[in-house]
Structures are given as C-alpha cells and as structure tokens.
C-alpha cells in the first residue's frame, strides 16, 4: 500500500521531457539536463551502435548528441516532442559519421586497428 502511494506521488512530481528541456532552455538547469540524459542515454547508445556497428564510435556519438542538445538548447521550439528532436540529432550525427567513414575508409581502418591494439586484440 505504501509503495503505491509513494509511486503515485513520484509520478505527480516527475517532469516530462518537454518540461525538463524548457528548464534547460530558460534556466540552464543542469539537474533537468541530467534527467534527460539519464532517461535517454541507453536508447541513444543503442541507436548509435546499430547505426555504426562500433561500440567506441557509438559512445563518442552518444556524448556528441547530448553535447549538441545542450549547445543547441535554444533551438528547441517545443512544437514537437523532445524525443523527436533528440532522435533527429543522434541520427544526423550517425549519418555524418557513416559518410565520413565512406570518404576516408583507410583512416577508419587505422582507427579500428589502434582500438584493437589498446585492448590487446591483434
């Protein structure tokens, strides 16, 4: 019974993604930004891994995605859901990375070999 009451109270005080983003935009609220990162980082990581097929590249893209969200916070208009805007940023970064890899395949191969050497895999 007490758990149900607590769960109900927590849901009353949980802010939506759009409310959190509004706080990030208007107040530079780092706690609200942390909420967004916590809610979305696993889904964005999974997207980046699926798109690139590389865990290390995906981690870099994950960080870049949230960096862009904070950097471009004023550009979020709120006429669409935060998740749509976030997903589009992540997808665009993945597409950019895939295009970069196609333009410079030798550099990508060298980078992969260096990662393998660091982990002791030859």
PDB file of N, CA and C in Angstrom:
ATOM      1  N   UNK A   1       0.823  -1.187   0.000  1.00  0.00           N
ATOM      2  CA  UNK A   1       0.000   0.000   0.000  1.00  0.00           C
ATOM      3  C   UNK A   1       0.866   1.250   0.000  1.00  0.00           C
ATOM      4  N   UNK A   2       1.857   1.291   0.890  1.00  0.00           N
ATOM      5  CA  UNK A   2       2.722   2.477   0.979  1.00  0.00           C
ATOM      6  C   UNK A   2       3.506   2.671  -0.310  1.00  0.00           C
ATOM      7  N   UNK A   3       3.922   1.556  -0.941  1.00  0.00           N
ATOM      8  CA  UNK A   3       4.655   1.659  -2.208  1.00  0.00           C
ATOM      9  C   UNK A   3       3.789   2.293  -3.287  1.00  0.00           C
ATOM     10  N   UNK A   4       2.504   1.938  -3.328  1.00  0.00           N
ATOM     11  CA  UNK A   4       1.600   2.514  -4.320  1.00  0.00           C
ATOM     12  C   UNK A   4       1.434   4.014  -4.108  1.00  0.00           C
ATOM     13  N   UNK A   5       1.344   4.425  -2.866  1.00  0.00           N
ATOM     14  CA  UNK A   5       1.201   5.847  -2.545  1.00  0.00           C
ATOM     15  C   UNK A   5       2.458   6.602  -2.961  1.00  0.00           C
ATOM     16  N   UNK A   6       3.613   6.035  -2.620  1.00  0.00           N
ATOM     17  CA  UNK A   6       4.892   6.678  -2.977  1.00  0.00           C
ATOM     18  C   UNK A   6       5.035   6.739  -4.488  1.00  0.00           C
ATOM     19  N   UNK A   7       4.723   5.643  -5.189  1.00  0.00           N
ATOM     20  CA  UNK A   7       4.821   5.629  -6.653  1.00  0.00           C
ATOM     21  C   UNK A   7       3.890   6.680  -7.253  1.00  0.00           C
ATOM     22  N   UNK A   8       2.707   6.836  -6.683  1.00  0.00           N
ATOM     23  CA  UNK A   8       1.767   7.853  -7.163  1.00  0.00           C
ATOM     24  C   UNK A   8       2.286   9.261  -6.947  1.00  0.00           C
ATOM     25  N   UNK A   9       2.880   9.500  -5.793  1.00  0.00           N
ATOM     26  CA  UNK A   9       3.446  10.817  -5.520  1.00  0.00           C
ATOM     27  C   UNK A   9       4.628  11.124  -6.428  1.00  0.00           C
ATOM     28  N   UNK A  10       5.478  10.131  -6.653  1.00  0.00           N
ATOM     29  CA  UNK A  10       6.625  10.334  -7.531  1.00  0.00           C
ATOM     30  C   UNK A  10       6.150  10.690  -8.931  1.00  0.00           C
ATOM     31  N   UNK A  11       5.123   9.993  -9.418  1.00  0.00           N
ATOM     32  CA  UNK A  11       4.630  10.287 -10.761  1.00  0.00           C
ATOM     33  C   UNK A  11       4.028  11.687 -10.845  1.00  0.00           C
ATOM     34  N   UNK A  12       3.479  12.177  -9.752  1.00  0.00           N
ATOM     35  CA  UNK A  12       2.949  13.539  -9.744  1.00  0.00           C
ATOM     36  C   UNK A  12       4.058  14.575  -9.883  1.00  0.00           C
ATOM     37  N   UNK A  13       5.221  14.268  -9.341  1.00  0.00           N
ATOM     38  CA  UNK A  13       6.309  15.233  -9.328  1.00  0.00           C
ATOM     39  C   UNK A  13       7.355  14.989 -10.415  1.00  0.00           C
ATOM     40  N   UNK A  14       7.146  13.969 -11.239  1.00  0.00           N
ATOM     41  CA  UNK A  14       8.062  13.700 -12.332  1.00  0.00           C
ATOM     42  C   UNK A  14       7.747  14.659 -13.470  1.00  0.00           C
ATOM     43  N   UNK A  15       8.779  15.294 -13.968  1.00  0.00           N
ATOM     44  CA  UNK A  15       8.553  16.231 -15.055  1.00  0.00           C
ATOM     45  C   UNK A  15       8.685  15.519 -16.393  1.00  0.00           C
ATOM     46  N   UNK A  16       7.989  16.032 -17.375  1.00  0.00           N
ATOM     47  CA  UNK A  16       8.081  15.465 -18.718  1.00  0.00           C
ATOM     48  C   UNK A  16       9.399  15.899 -19.356  1.00  0.00           C
ATOM     49  N   UNK A  17       9.730  15.250 -20.453  1.00  0.00           N
ATOM     50  CA  UNK A  17      10.935  15.636 -21.194  1.00  0.00           C
ATOM     51  C   UNK A  17      10.843  17.088 -21.658  1.00  0.00           C
ATOM     52  N   UNK A  18       9.665  17.477 -22.117  1.00  0.00           N
ATOM     53  CA  UNK A  18       9.490  18.833 -22.616  1.00  0.00           C
ATOM     54  C   UNK A  18       9.622  19.864 -21.490  1.00  0.00           C
ATOM     55  N   UNK A  19       9.111  19.527 -20.302  1.00  0.00           N
ATOM     56  CA  UNK A  19       9.264  20.424 -19.158  1.00  0.00           C
ATOM     57  C   UNK A  19      10.726  20.527 -18.745  1.00  0.00           C
ATOM     58  N   UNK A  20      11.419  19.400 -18.748  1.00  0.00           N
ATOM     59  CA  UNK A  20      12.846  19.415 -18.408  1.00  0.00           C
ATOM     60  C   UNK A  20      13.617  20.251 -19.414  1.00  0.00           C
ATOM     61  N   UNK A  21      13.303  20.090 -20.694  1.00  0.00           N
ATOM     62  CA  UNK A  21      14.012  20.858 -21.716  1.00  0.00           C
ATOM     63  C   UNK A  21      13.712  22.346 -21.584  1.00  0.00           C
ATOM     64  N   UNK A  22      12.478  22.690 -21.228  1.00  0.00           N
ATOM     65  CA  UNK A  22      12.140  24.094 -21.014  1.00  0.00           C
ATOM     66  C   UNK A  22      12.992  24.675 -19.889  1.00  0.00           C
ATOM     67  N   UNK A  23      13.186  23.884 -18.823  1.00  0.00           N
ATOM     68  CA  UNK A  23      14.023  24.350 -17.709  1.00  0.00           C
ATOM     69  C   UNK A  23      15.479  24.495 -18.138  1.00  0.00           C
ATOM     70  N   UNK A  24      15.942  23.590 -18.994  1.00  0.00           N
ATOM     71  CA  UNK A  24      17.310  23.690 -19.511  1.00  0.00           C
ATOM     72  C   UNK A  24      17.436  24.959 -20.348  1.00  0.00           C
ATOM     73  N   UNK A  25      16.445  25.220 -21.188  1.00  0.00           N
ATOM     74  CA  UNK A  25      16.472  26.391 -22.060  1.00  0.00           C
ATOM     75  C   UNK A  25      16.427  27.707 -21.288  1.00  0.00           C
ATOM     76  N   UNK A  26      15.505  27.788 -20.369  1.00  0.00           N
ATOM     77  CA  UNK A  26      15.252  29.077 -19.722  1.00  0.00           C
ATOM     78  C   UNK A  26      16.107  29.345 -18.491  1.00  0.00           C
ATOM     79  N   UNK A  27      16.558  28.274 -17.828  1.00  0.00           N
ATOM     80  CA  UNK A  27      17.277  28.456 -16.569  1.00  0.00           C
ATOM     81  C   UNK A  27      18.657  27.809 -16.561  1.00  0.00           C
ATOM     82  N   UNK A  28      19.063  27.244 -17.710  1.00  0.00           N
ATOM     83  CA  UNK A  28      20.313  26.475 -17.753  1.00  0.00           C
ATOM     84  C   UNK A  28      20.369  25.460 -16.611  1.00  0.00           C
ATOM     85  N   UNK A  29      19.262  24.798 -16.390  1.00  0.00           N
ATOM     86  CA  UNK A  29      19.101  23.872 -15.271  1.00  0.00           C
ATOM     87  C   UNK A  29      19.842  22.565 -15.554  1.00  0.00           C
ATOM     88  N   UNK A  30      20.980  22.381 -14.910  1.00  0.00           N
ATOM     89  CA  UNK A  30      21.795  21.188 -15.134  1.00  0.00           C
ATOM     90  C   UNK A  30      21.146  19.932 -14.564  1.00  0.00           C
ATOM     91  N   UNK A  31      20.362  20.072 -13.514  1.00  0.00           N
ATOM     92  CA  UNK A  31      19.664  18.900 -12.973  1.00  0.00           C
ATOM     93  C   UNK A  31      18.609  18.400 -13.959  1.00  0.00           C
ATOM     94  N   UNK A  32      17.918  19.319 -14.591  1.00  0.00           N
ATOM     95  CA  UNK A  32      16.930  18.932 -15.600  1.00  0.00           C
ATOM     96  C   UNK A  32      17.626  18.263 -16.783  1.00  0.00           C
ATOM     97  N   UNK A  33      18.791  18.786 -17.157  1.00  0.00           N
ATOM     98  CA  UNK A  33      19.558  18.173 -18.247  1.00  0.00           C
ATOM     99  C   UNK A  33      19.999  16.766 -17.858  1.00  0.00           C
ATOM    100  N   UNK A  34      20.431  16.592 -16.619  1.00  0.00           N
ATOM    101  CA  UNK A  34      20.818  15.262 -16.133  1.00  0.00           C
ATOM    102  C   UNK A  34      19.652  14.279 -16.213  1.00  0.00           C
ATOM    103  N   UNK A  35      18.457  14.759 -15.930  1.00  0.00           N
ATOM    104  CA  UNK A  35      17.261  13.908 -16.029  1.00  0.00           C
ATOM    105  C   UNK A  35      17.089  13.425 -17.467  1.00  0.00           C
ATOM    106  N   UNK A  36      17.238  14.345 -18.422  1.00  0.00           N
ATOM    107  CA  UNK A  36      17.095  13.976 -19.833  1.00  0.00           C
ATOM    108  C   UNK A  36      18.158  12.969 -20.261  1.00  0.00           C
ATOM    109  N   UNK A  37      19.388  13.207 -19.844  1.00  0.00           N
ATOM    110  CA  UNK A  37      20.473  12.276 -20.182  1.00  0.00           C
ATOM    111  C   UNK A  37      20.181  10.905 -19.596  1.00  0.00           C
ATOM    112  N   UNK A  38      19.799  10.868 -18.341  1.00  0.00           N
ATOM    113  CA  UNK A  38      19.512   9.595 -17.668  1.00  0.00           C
ATOM    114  C   UNK A  38      18.383   8.843 -18.377  1.00  0.00           C
ATOM    115  N   UNK A  39      17.345   9.565 -18.774  1.00  0.00           N
ATOM    116  CA  UNK A  39      16.203   8.923 -19.425  1.00  0.00           C
ATOM    117  C   UNK A  39      16.537   8.382 -20.810  1.00  0.00           C
ATOM    118  N   UNK A  40      17.401   9.070 -21.528  1.00  0.00           N
ATOM    119  CA  UNK A  40      17.577   8.781 -22.946  1.00  0.00           C
ATOM    120  C   UNK A  40      18.904   8.160 -23.342  1.00  0.00           C
ATOM    121  N   UNK A  41      19.911   8.130 -22.470  1.00  0.00           N
ATOM    122  CA  UNK A  41      21.232   7.713 -22.911  1.00  0.00           C
ATOM    123  C   UNK A  41      21.286   6.269 -23.419  1.00  0.00           C
ATOM    124  N   UNK A  42      20.572   5.354 -22.797  1.00  0.00           N
ATOM    125  CA  UNK A  42      20.630   3.958 -23.243  1.00  0.00           C
ATOM    126  C   UNK A  42      19.986   3.786 -24.622  1.00  0.00           C
ATOM    127  N   UNK A  43      18.882   4.464 -24.855  1.00  0.00           N
ATOM    128  CA  UNK A  43      18.220   4.344 -26.163  1.00  0.00           C
ATOM    129  C   UNK A  43      19.054   4.980 -27.271  1.00  0.00           C
ATOM    130  N   UNK A  44      19.682   6.107 -26.967  1.00  0.00           N
ATOM    131  CA  UNK A  44      20.527   6.764 -27.963  1.00  0.00           C
ATOM    132  C   UNK A  44      21.798   5.942 -28.191  1.00  0.00           C
ATOM    133  N   UNK A  45      22.360   5.374 -27.139  1.00  0.00           N
ATOM    134  CA  UNK A  45      23.531   4.497 -27.295  1.00  0.00           C
ATOM    135  C   UNK A  45      23.183   3.320 -28.207  1.00  0.00           C
ATOM    136  N   UNK A  46      22.040   2.686 -27.977  1.00  0.00           N
ATOM    137  CA  UNK A  46      21.621   1.546 -28.792  1.00  0.00           C
ATOM    138  C   UNK A  46      21.444   1.959 -30.258  1.00  0.00           C
ATOM    139  N   UNK A  47      20.866   3.110 -30.486  1.00  0.00           N
ATOM    140  CA  UNK A  47      20.709   3.620 -31.852  1.00  0.00           C
ATOM    141  C   UNK A  47      22.075   3.784 -32.521  1.00  0.00           C
ATOM    142  N   UNK A  48      23.005   4.408 -31.830  1.00  0.00           N
ATOM    143  CA  UNK A  48      24.332   4.669 -32.393  1.00  0.00           C
ATOM    144  C   UNK A  48      25.095   3.374 -32.655  1.00  0.00           C
ATOM    145  N   UNK A  49      24.931   2.396 -31.786  1.00  0.00           N
ATOM    146  CA  UNK A  49      25.581   1.097 -32.006  1.00  0.00           C
ATOM    147  C   UNK A  49      24.983   0.427 -33.248  1.00  0.00           C
ATOM    148  N   UNK A  50      23.648   0.445 -33.347  1.00  0.00           N
ATOM    149  CA  UNK A  50      23.002  -0.156 -34.521  1.00  0.00           C
ATOM    150  C   UNK A  50      23.440   0.534 -35.814  1.00  0.00           C
ATOM    151  N   UNK A  51      23.540   1.850 -35.771  1.00  0.00           N
ATOM    152  CA  UNK A  51      23.871   2.606 -36.981  1.00  0.00           C
ATOM    153  C   UNK A  51      25.326   2.420 -37.394  1.00  0.00           C
ATOM    154  N   UNK A  52      26.246   2.393 -36.435  1.00  0.00           N
ATOM    155  CA  UNK A  52      27.670   2.370 -36.779  1.00  0.00           C
ATOM    156  C   UNK A  52      28.290   0.990 -36.663  1.00  0.00           C
ATOM    157  N   UNK A  53      27.706   0.116 -35.856  1.00  0.00           N
ATOM    158  CA  UNK A  53      28.274  -1.201 -35.648  1.00  0.00           C
ATOM    159  C   UNK A  53      29.547  -1.194 -34.817  1.00  0.00           C
ATOM    160  N   UNK A  54      29.796  -0.088 -34.109  1.00  0.00           N
ATOM    161  CA  UNK A  54      31.037   0.034 -33.359  1.00  0.00           C
ATOM    162  C   UNK A  54      30.745   0.686 -32.018  1.00  0.00           C
ATOM    163  N   UNK A  55      31.059  -0.014 -30.936  1.00  0.00           N
ATOM    164  CA  UNK A  55      30.768   0.482 -29.595  1.00  0.00           C
ATOM    165  C   UNK A  55      31.497   1.784 -29.289  1.00  0.00           C
ATOM    166  N   UNK A  56      32.782   1.872 -29.655  1.00  0.00           N
ATOM    167  CA  UNK A  56      33.557   3.073 -29.334  1.00  0.00           C
ATOM    168  C   UNK A  56      33.046   4.289 -30.101  1.00  0.00           C
ATOM    169  N   UNK A  57      32.747   4.100 -31.363  1.00  0.00           N
ATOM    170  CA  UNK A  57      32.186   5.187 -32.168  1.00  0.00           C
ATOM    171  C   UNK A  57      30.826   5.594 -31.608  1.00  0.00           C
ATOM    172  N   UNK A  58      30.041   4.599 -31.221  1.00  0.00           N
ATOM    173  CA  UNK A  58      28.719   4.865 -30.658  1.00  0.00           C
ATOM    174  C   UNK A  58      28.819   5.688 -29.374  1.00  0.00           C
ATOM    175  N   UNK A  59      29.794   5.370 -28.529  1.00  0.00           N
ATOM    176  CA  UNK A  59      29.985   6.136 -27.289  1.00  0.00           C
ATOM    177  C   UNK A  59      30.332   7.598 -27.605  1.00  0.00           C
ATOM    178  N   UNK A  60      31.202   7.792 -28.589  1.00  0.00           N
ATOM    179  CA  UNK A  60      31.551   9.154 -28.990  1.00  0.00           C
ATOM    180  C   UNK A  60      30.325   9.904 -29.509  1.00  0.00           C
ATOM    181  N   UNK A  61      29.524   9.219 -30.321  1.00  0.00           N
ATOM    182  CA  UNK A  61      28.324   9.847 -30.869  1.00  0.00           C
ATOM    183  C   UNK A  61      27.294  10.133 -29.784  1.00  0.00           C
ATOM    184  N   UNK A  62      27.202   9.253 -28.800  1.00  0.00           N
ATOM    185  CA  UNK A  62      26.305   9.478 -27.669  1.00  0.00           C
ATOM    186  C   UNK A  62      26.683  10.767 -26.945  1.00  0.00           C
ATOM    187  N   UNK A  63      27.964  10.912 -26.640  1.00  0.00           N
ATOM    188  CA  UNK A  63      28.418  12.136 -25.964  1.00  0.00           C
ATOM    189  C   UNK A  63      28.184  13.368 -26.824  1.00  0.00           C
ATOM    190  N   UNK A  64      28.471  13.241 -28.110  1.00  0.00           N
ATOM    191  CA  UNK A  64      28.277  14.378 -29.016  1.00  0.00           C
ATOM    192  C   UNK A  64      26.798  14.756 -29.122  1.00  0.00           C
ATOM    193  N   UNK A  65      25.925  13.754 -29.102  1.00  0.00           N
ATOM    194  CA  UNK A  65      24.485  14.023 -29.168  1.00  0.00           C
ATOM    195  C   UNK A  65      24.044  14.904 -28.006  1.00  0.00           C
ATOM    196  N   UNK A  66      24.417  14.524 -26.797  1.00  0.00           N
ATOM    197  CA  UNK A  66      23.975  15.305 -25.640  1.00  0.00           C
ATOM    198  C   UNK A  66      24.710  16.637 -25.548  1.00  0.00           C
ATOM    199  N   UNK A  67      25.914  16.677 -26.047  1.00  0.00           N
ATOM    200  CA  UNK A  67      26.628  17.951 -26.122  1.00  0.00           C
ATOM    201  C   UNK A  67      25.887  18.909 -27.047  1.00  0.00           C
ATOM    202  N   UNK A  68      25.433  18.387 -28.184  1.00  0.00           N
ATOM    203  CA  UNK A  68      24.677  19.218 -29.139  1.00  0.00           C
ATOM    204  C   UNK A  68      23.342  19.655 -28.561  1.00  0.00           C
ATOM    205  N   UNK A  69      22.687  18.752 -27.843  1.00  0.00           N
ATOM    206  CA  UNK A  69      21.403  19.113 -27.227  1.00  0.00           C
ATOM    207  C   UNK A  69      21.593  20.324 -26.324  1.00  0.00           C
ATOM    208  N   UNK A  70      22.627  20.284 -25.493  1.00  0.00           N
ATOM    209  CA  UNK A  70      22.845  21.405 -24.578  1.00  0.00           C
ATOM    210  C   UNK A  70      23.274  22.658 -25.349  1.00  0.00           C
ATOM    211  N   UNK A  71      24.153  22.465 -26.312  1.00  0.00           N
ATOM    212  CA  UNK A  71      24.653  23.593 -27.100  1.00  0.00           C
ATOM    213  C   UNK A  71      23.529  24.270 -27.884  1.00  0.00           C
ATOM    214  N   UNK A  72      22.624  23.477 -28.422  1.00  0.00           N
ATOM    215  CA  UNK A  72      21.541  23.993 -29.277  1.00  0.00           C
ATOM    216  C   UNK A  72      20.215  24.095 -28.542  1.00  0.00           C
ATOM    217  N   UNK A  73      20.255  24.134 -27.218  1.00  0.00           N
ATOM    218  CA  UNK A  73      19.018  24.128 -26.432  1.00  0.00           C
ATOM    219  C   UNK A  73      18.053  25.237 -26.811  1.00  0.00           C
ATOM    220  N   UNK A  74      18.572  26.381 -27.223  1.00  0.00           N
ATOM    221  CA  UNK A  74      17.690  27.495 -27.599  1.00  0.00           C
ATOM    222  C   UNK A  74      16.927  27.197 -28.886  1.00  0.00           C
ATOM    223  N   UNK A  75      17.424  26.268 -29.688  1.00  0.00           N
ATOM    224  CA  UNK A  75      16.787  25.945 -30.965  1.00  0.00           C
ATOM    225  C   UNK A  75      15.579  25.021 -30.794  1.00  0.00           C
ATOM    226  N   UNK A  76      15.430  24.401 -29.640  1.00  0.00           N
ATOM    227  CA  UNK A  76      14.280  23.524 -29.417  1.00  0.00           C
ATOM    228  C   UNK A  76      13.041  24.387 -29.273  1.00  0.00           C
ATOM    229  N   UNK A  77      12.107  24.236 -30.213  1.00  0.00           N
ATOM    230  CA  UNK A  77      10.924  25.106 -30.249  1.00  0.00           C
ATOM    231  C   UNK A  77       9.761  24.568 -29.427  1.00  0.00           C
ATOM    232  N   UNK A  78       9.767  23.291 -29.167  1.00  0.00           N
ATOM    233  CA  UNK A  78       8.686  22.734 -28.367  1.00  0.00           C
ATOM    234  C   UNK A  78       7.436  22.422 -29.156  1.00  0.00           C
ATOM    235  N   UNK A  79       7.443  22.635 -30.493  1.00  0.00           N
ATOM    236  CA  UNK A  79       6.269  22.277 -31.286  1.00  0.00           C
ATOM    237  C   UNK A  79       6.271  20.796 -31.660  1.00  0.00           C
ATOM    238  N   UNK A  80       7.370  20.112 -31.340  1.00  0.00           N
ATOM    239  CA  UNK A  80       7.429  18.657 -31.469  1.00  0.00           C
ATOM    240  C   UNK A  80       7.913  18.106 -30.132  1.00  0.00           C
ATOM    241  N   UNK A  81       7.851  16.804 -30.003  1.00  0.00           N
ATOM    242  CA  UNK A  81       8.297  16.201 -28.754  1.00  0.00           C
ATOM    243  C   UNK A  81       9.820  16.296 -28.649  1.00  0.00           C
ATOM    244  N   UNK A  82      10.302  16.368 -27.433  1.00  0.00           N
ATOM    245  CA  UNK A  82      11.742  16.382 -27.202  1.00  0.00           C
ATOM    246  C   UNK A  82      12.382  15.140 -27.800  1.00  0.00           C
ATOM    247  N   UNK A  83      11.730  13.991 -27.645  1.00  0.00           N
ATOM    248  CA  UNK A  83      12.303  12.737 -28.139  1.00  0.00           C
ATOM    249  C   UNK A  83      12.520  12.774 -29.651  1.00  0.00           C
ATOM    250  N   UNK A  84      11.631  13.397 -30.388  1.00  0.00           N
ATOM    251  CA  UNK A  84      11.776  13.515 -31.835  1.00  0.00           C
ATOM    252  C   UNK A  84      12.999  14.360 -32.177  1.00  0.00           C
ATOM    253  N   UNK A  85      13.150  15.470 -31.482  1.00  0.00           N
ATOM    254  CA  UNK A  85      14.287  16.376 -31.704  1.00  0.00           C
ATOM    255  C   UNK A  85      15.599  15.683 -31.342  1.00  0.00           C
ATOM    256  N   UNK A  86      15.629  15.028 -30.196  1.00  0.00           N
ATOM    257  CA  UNK A  86      16.825  14.310 -29.750  1.00  0.00           C
ATOM    258  C   UNK A  86      17.195  13.205 -30.735  1.00  0.00           C
ATOM    259  N   UNK A  87      16.217  12.418 -31.155  1.00  0.00           N
ATOM    260  CA  UNK A  87      16.450  11.309 -32.069  1.00  0.00           C
ATOM    261  C   UNK A  87      17.024  11.829 -33.384  1.00  0.00           C
ATOM    262  N   UNK A  88      16.507  12.953 -33.872  1.00  0.00           N
ATOM    263  CA  UNK A  88      16.982  13.530 -35.129  1.00  0.00           C
ATOM    264  C   UNK A  88      18.436  13.980 -34.999  1.00  0.00           C
ATOM    265  N   UNK A  89      18.795  14.569 -33.876  1.00  0.00           N
ATOM    266  CA  UNK A  89      20.192  14.972 -33.657  1.00  0.00           C
ATOM    267  C   UNK A  89      21.098  13.749 -33.699  1.00  0.00           C
ATOM    268  N   UNK A  90      20.713  12.699 -32.993  1.00  0.00           N
ATOM    269  CA  UNK A  90      21.522  11.480 -32.948  1.00  0.00           C
ATOM    270  C   UNK A  90      21.628  10.839 -34.334  1.00  0.00           C
ATOM    271  N   UNK A  91      20.521  10.747 -35.044  1.00  0.00           N
ATOM    272  CA  UNK A  91      20.544  10.164 -36.388  1.00  0.00           C
ATOM    273  C   UNK A  91      21.443  10.961 -37.326  1.00  0.00           C
ATOM    274  N   UNK A  92      21.329  12.272 -37.289  1.00  0.00           N
ATOM    275  CA  UNK A  92      22.162  13.103 -38.159  1.00  0.00           C
ATOM    276  C   UNK A  92      23.639  12.919 -37.851  1.00  0.00           C
ATOM    277  N   UNK A  93      23.984  12.824 -36.579  1.00  0.00           N
ATOM    278  CA  UNK A  93      25.384  12.581 -36.216  1.00  0.00           C
ATOM    279  C   UNK A  93      25.856  11.218 -36.717  1.00  0.00           C
ATOM    280  N   UNK A  94      25.002  10.210 -36.617  1.00  0.00           N
ATOM    281  CA  UNK A  94      25.346   8.877 -37.127  1.00  0.00           C
ATOM    282  C   UNK A  94      25.543   8.914 -38.640  1.00  0.00           C
ATOM    283  N   UNK A  95      24.631   9.573 -39.352  1.00  0.00           N
ATOM    284  CA  UNK A  95      24.768   9.685 -40.808  1.00  0.00           C
ATOM    285  C   UNK A  95      26.055  10.418 -41.175  1.00  0.00           C
ATOM    286  N   UNK A  96      26.362  11.485 -40.450  1.00  0.00           N
ATOM    287  CA  UNK A  96      27.608  12.220 -40.705  1.00  0.00           C
ATOM    288  C   UNK A  96      28.822  11.314 -40.515  1.00  0.00           C
ATOM    289  N   UNK A  97      28.808  10.519 -39.462  1.00  0.00           N
ATOM    290  CA  UNK A  97      29.924   9.605 -39.189  1.00  0.00           C
ATOM    291  C   UNK A  97      30.048   8.546 -40.281  1.00  0.00           C
ATOM    292  N   UNK A  98      28.935   7.996 -40.722  1.00  0.00           N
ATOM    293  CA  UNK A  98      28.973   6.991 -41.777  1.00  0.00           C
ATOM    294  C   UNK A  98      29.494   7.586 -43.084  1.00  0.00           C
ATOM    295  N   UNK A  99      29.088   8.810 -43.400  1.00  0.00           N
ATOM    296  CA  UNK A  99      29.611   9.490 -44.597  1.00  0.00           C
ATOM    297  C   UNK A  99      31.114   9.733 -44.466  1.00  0.00           C
ATOM    298  N   UNK A 100      31.537  10.139 -43.275  1.00  0.00           N
ATOM    299  CA  UNK A 100      32.966  10.373 -43.040  1.00  0.00           C
ATOM    300  C   UNK A 100      33.758   9.077 -43.237  1.00  0.00           C
ATOM    301  N   UNK A 101      33.231   7.987 -42.743  1.00  0.00           N
ATOM    302  CA  UNK A 101      33.905   6.696 -42.896  1.00  0.00           C
ATOM    303  C   UNK A 101      33.980   6.277 -44.366  1.00  0.00           C
ATOM    304  N   UNK A 102      32.954   6.586 -45.141  1.00  0.00           N
ATOM    305  CA  UNK A 102      32.976   6.249 -46.565  1.00  0.00           C
ATOM    306  C   UNK A 102      34.002   7.090 -47.322  1.00  0.00           C
ATOM    307  N   UNK A 103      34.153   8.352 -46.930  1.00  0.00           N
ATOM    308  CA  UNK A 103      35.119   9.238 -47.597  1.00  0.00           C
ATOM    309  C   UNK A 103      36.554   8.882 -47.241  1.00  0.00           C
ATOM    310  N   UNK A 104      36.775   8.379 -46.026  1.00  0.00           N
ATOM    311  CA  UNK A 104      38.121   8.094 -45.533  1.00  0.00           C
ATOM    312  C   UNK A 104      38.193   6.681 -44.950  1.00  0.00           C
ATOM    313  N   UNK A 105      38.005   5.661 -45.778  1.00  0.00           N
ATOM    314  CA  UNK A 105      37.994   4.290 -45.228  1.00  0.00           C
ATOM    315  C   UNK A 105      39.326   3.872 -44.618  1.00  0.00           C
ATOM    316  N   UNK A 106      40.434   4.343 -45.147  1.00  0.00           N
ATOM    317  CA  UNK A 106      41.743   3.966 -44.594  1.00  0.00           C
ATOM    318  C   UNK A 106      41.911   4.525 -43.184  1.00  0.00           C
ATOM    319  N   UNK A 107      41.477   5.751 -42.970  1.00  0.00           N
ATOM    320  CA  UNK A 107      41.584   6.360 -41.640  1.00  0.00           C
ATOM    321  C   UNK A 107      40.722   5.599 -40.642  1.00  0.00           C
ATOM    322  N   UNK A 108      39.554   5.174 -41.078  1.00  0.00           N
ATOM    323  CA  UNK A 108      38.669   4.413 -40.197  1.00  0.00           C
ATOM    324  C   UNK A 108      39.315   3.073 -39.835  1.00  0.00           C
ATOM    325  N   UNK A 109      39.912   2.420 -40.817  1.00  0.00           N
ATOM    326  CA  UNK A 109      40.581   1.128 -40.570  1.00  0.00           C
ATOM    327  C   UNK A 109      41.744   1.294 -39.600  1.00  0.00           C
ATOM    328  N   UNK A 110      42.527   2.363 -39.762  1.00  0.00           N
ATOM    329  CA  UNK A 110      43.647   2.619 -38.852  1.00  0.00           C
ATOM    330  C   UNK A 110      43.142   2.861 -37.429  1.00  0.00           C
ATOM    331  N   UNK A 111      42.061   3.603 -37.326  1.00  0.00           N
ATOM    332  CA  UNK A 111      41.478   3.883 -36.012  1.00  0.00           C
ATOM    333  C   UNK A 111      41.016   2.574 -35.357  1.00  0.00           C
ATOM    334  N   UNK A 112      40.396   1.706 -36.116  1.00  0.00           N
ATOM    335  CA  UNK A 112      39.925   0.432 -35.578  1.00  0.00           C
ATOM    336  C   UNK A 112      41.105  -0.434 -35.133  1.00  0.00           C
ATOM    337  N   UNK A 113      42.181  -0.454 -35.911  1.00  0.00           N
ATOM    338  CA  UNK A 113      43.362  -1.231 -35.533  1.00  0.00           C
ATOM    339  C   UNK A 113      43.969  -0.703 -34.239  1.00  0.00           C
ATOM    340  N   UNK A 114      44.004   0.617 -34.081  1.00  0.00           N
ATOM    341  CA  UNK A 114      44.541   1.215 -32.857  1.00  0.00           C
ATOM    342  C   UNK A 114      43.700   0.826 -31.647  1.00  0.00           C
ATOM    343  N   UNK A 115      42.388   0.827 -31.797  1.00  0.00           N
ATOM    344  CA  UNK A 115      41.490   0.438 -30.704  1.00  0.00           C
ATOM    345  C   UNK A 115      41.744  -1.013 -30.328  1.00  0.00           C
ATOM    346  N   UNK A 116      41.881  -1.873 -31.326  1.00  0.00           N
ATOM    347  CA  UNK A 116      42.134  -3.284 -31.047  1.00  0.00           C
ATOM    348  C   UNK A 116      43.462  -3.481 -30.331  1.00  0.00           C
ATOM    349  N   UNK A 117      44.501  -2.735 -30.741  1.00  0.00           N
ATOM    350  CA  UNK A 117      45.805  -2.850 -30.081  1.00  0.00           C
ATOM    351  C   UNK A 117      45.725  -2.412 -28.622  1.00  0.00           C
ATOM    352  N   UNK A 118      44.980  -1.342 -28.363  1.00  0.00           N
ATOM    353  CA  UNK A 118      44.833  -0.845 -26.986  1.00  0.00           C
ATOM    354  C   UNK A 118      44.214  -1.928 -26.098  1.00  0.00           C
ATOM    355  N   UNK A 119      43.301  -2.680 -26.670  1.00  0.00           N
ATOM    356  CA  UNK A 119      42.616  -3.734 -25.908  1.00  0.00           C
ATOM    357  C   UNK A 119      43.334  -5.082 -25.989  1.00  0.00           C
ATOM    358  N   UNK A 120      44.519  -5.081 -26.604  1.00  0.00           N
ATOM    359  CA  UNK A 120      45.295  -6.306 -26.665  1.00  0.00           C
ATOM    360  C   UNK A 120      44.789  -7.328 -27.657  1.00  0.00           C
ATOM    361  N   UNK A 121      44.031  -6.875 -28.638  1.00  0.00           N
ATOM    362  CA  UNK A 121      43.494  -7.775 -29.670  1.00  0.00           C
ATOM    363  C   UNK A 121      44.211  -7.436 -30.983  1.00  0.00           C
ATOM    364  N   UNK A 122      44.919  -8.407 -31.510  1.00  0.00           N
ATOM    365  CA  UNK A 122      45.633  -8.149 -32.780  1.00  0.00           C
ATOM    366  C   UNK A 122      45.050  -8.907 -33.922  1.00  0.00           C
TER     367      UNK A 122
END
